[in-house]
Amino acid sequence: MPSPDALLRATVNRLAARLGHGLAGAAAEVAVLAQDAPERLRREWDLFQEEVKAEAERLDSDQPEAAATAAASAASATTDDPQQQIDRLRAQVAELSRTLEESP
């Protein structure tokens, strides 16, 4: 189980990756998701939780390869919904960006 500090940092990292620079746009997107499909919102929440867990494990172990492997296994375990594929790709891009920023 990841440490509470790592979970908190992972949550902040994932929220920052999902919200990006436009908080208003993110709020509008969440409102549309809530109106259009409660099931889709649940899937998004589940995916977010998986991302947070993977990020926390990466922060605990300091091994970016482990996070990439966890993201790949999570990607293969879900359905082929186009929005889910986009979300997984966004998570992978965010992970690669963090890895590049952390490398000397």
Protein backbone atom coordinates (compact mmCIF):
# COMPACT_ATOMS: atom_id res chain seq x y z
CA MET A 1 0.00 0.00 0.00
CA PRO A 2 1.43 3.40 -0.95
CA SER A 3 2.23 5.86 1.83
CA PRO A 4 -0.33 8.60 2.62
CA ASP A 5 2.15 11.26 1.49
CA ALA A 6 2.60 9.53 -1.86
CA LEU A 7 -1.18 9.16 -2.26
CA LEU A 8 -1.70 12.86 -1.59
CA ARG A 9 1.04 13.90 -4.03
CA ALA A 10 -0.28 11.43 -6.61
CA THR A 11 -3.81 12.84 -6.24
CA VAL A 12 -2.55 16.38 -6.76
CA ASN A 13 -0.48 15.28 -9.77
CA ARG A 14 -3.41 13.48 -11.39
CA LEU A 15 -5.80 16.40 -10.75
CA ALA A 16 -3.29 18.79 -12.29
CA ALA A 17 -2.89 16.51 -15.31
CA ARG A 18 -6.65 16.21 -15.79
CA LEU A 19 -7.56 19.82 -15.17
CA GLY A 20 -4.68 21.30 -17.07
CA HIS A 21 -4.72 25.07 -17.28
CA GLY A 22 -8.45 25.76 -17.59
CA LEU A 23 -10.43 25.14 -14.42
CA ALA A 24 -13.59 26.57 -15.96
CA GLY A 25 -13.31 24.24 -18.94
CA ALA A 26 -12.81 21.28 -16.66
CA ALA A 27 -15.86 22.23 -14.60
CA ALA A 28 -17.95 22.53 -17.76
CA GLU A 29 -16.69 19.16 -18.95
CA VAL A 30 -17.61 17.54 -15.63
CA ALA A 31 -21.09 19.10 -15.81
CA VAL A 32 -21.63 17.72 -19.32
CA LEU A 33 -20.40 14.29 -18.25
CA ALA A 34 -22.75 14.31 -15.26
CA GLN A 35 -25.72 15.21 -17.46
CA ASP A 36 -24.94 12.91 -20.36
CA ALA A 37 -23.86 9.67 -18.76
CA PRO A 38 -23.63 8.79 -15.06
CA GLU A 39 -22.07 5.48 -16.08
CA ARG A 40 -19.35 7.27 -18.00
CA LEU A 41 -18.69 9.47 -14.97
CA ARG A 42 -18.30 6.32 -12.85
CA ARG A 43 -15.81 4.88 -15.37
CA GLU A 44 -13.87 8.14 -15.31
CA TRP A 45 -13.75 8.00 -11.51
CA ASP A 46 -12.51 4.40 -11.61
CA LEU A 47 -9.83 5.32 -14.15
CA PHE A 48 -8.79 8.30 -12.02
CA GLN A 49 -8.46 6.05 -8.96
CA GLU A 50 -6.29 3.61 -10.94
CA GLU A 51 -4.11 6.51 -12.10
CA VAL A 52 -3.72 7.79 -8.53
CA LYS A 53 -2.73 4.35 -7.28
CA ALA A 54 -0.21 3.90 -10.09
CA GLU A 55 1.21 7.37 -9.47
CA ALA A 56 1.49 6.71 -5.72
CA GLU A 57 3.31 3.44 -6.36
CA ARG A 58 5.64 5.23 -8.76
CA LEU A 59 6.36 7.93 -6.19
CA ASP A 60 7.02 5.32 -3.50
CA SER A 61 9.34 3.24 -5.64
CA ASP A 62 10.85 6.08 -7.73
CA GLN A 63 10.78 3.78 -10.76
CA PRO A 64 9.03 5.36 -13.77
CA GLU A 65 9.11 2.01 -15.59
CA ALA A 66 6.83 0.49 -12.94
CA ALA A 67 4.23 3.21 -13.51
CA ALA A 68 4.38 2.72 -17.27
CA THR A 69 3.86 -1.02 -16.80
CA ALA A 70 0.93 -0.42 -14.44
CA ALA A 71 -0.64 2.02 -16.90
CA ALA A 72 -0.21 -0.46 -19.74
CA SER A 73 -1.80 -3.28 -17.75
CA ALA A 74 -4.69 -1.02 -16.73
CA ALA A 75 -5.14 -0.03 -20.37
CA SER A 76 -5.37 -3.62 -21.52
CA ALA A 77 -7.85 -4.49 -18.76
CA THR A 78 -10.48 -1.92 -19.78
CA THR A 79 -12.88 -1.87 -22.71
CA ASP A 80 -12.18 -0.23 -26.05
CA ASP A 81 -14.36 2.84 -25.47
CA PRO A 82 -12.76 5.71 -27.44
CA GLN A 83 -12.97 8.15 -24.52
CA GLN A 84 -11.25 5.63 -22.25
CA GLN A 85 -8.48 5.21 -24.81
CA ILE A 86 -8.04 8.99 -24.93
CA ASP A 87 -7.91 9.17 -21.13
CA ARG A 88 -5.33 6.40 -20.96
CA LEU A 89 -3.21 8.14 -23.58
CA ARG A 90 -3.44 11.40 -21.64
CA ALA A 91 -2.27 9.61 -18.50
CA GLN A 92 0.64 8.06 -20.38
CA VAL A 93 1.64 11.42 -21.86
CA ALA A 94 1.50 13.01 -18.40
CA GLU A 95 3.68 10.22 -17.02
CA LEU A 96 6.21 10.64 -19.82
CA SER A 97 6.26 14.40 -19.26
CA ARG A 98 6.96 13.94 -15.56
CA THR A 99 9.70 11.44 -16.35
CA LEU A 100 11.34 13.86 -18.77
CA GLU A 101 11.08 16.73 -16.27
CA GLU A 102 12.65 14.64 -13.50
CA SER A 103 15.56 13.33 -15.58
CA PRO A 104 18.78 15.39 -15.38
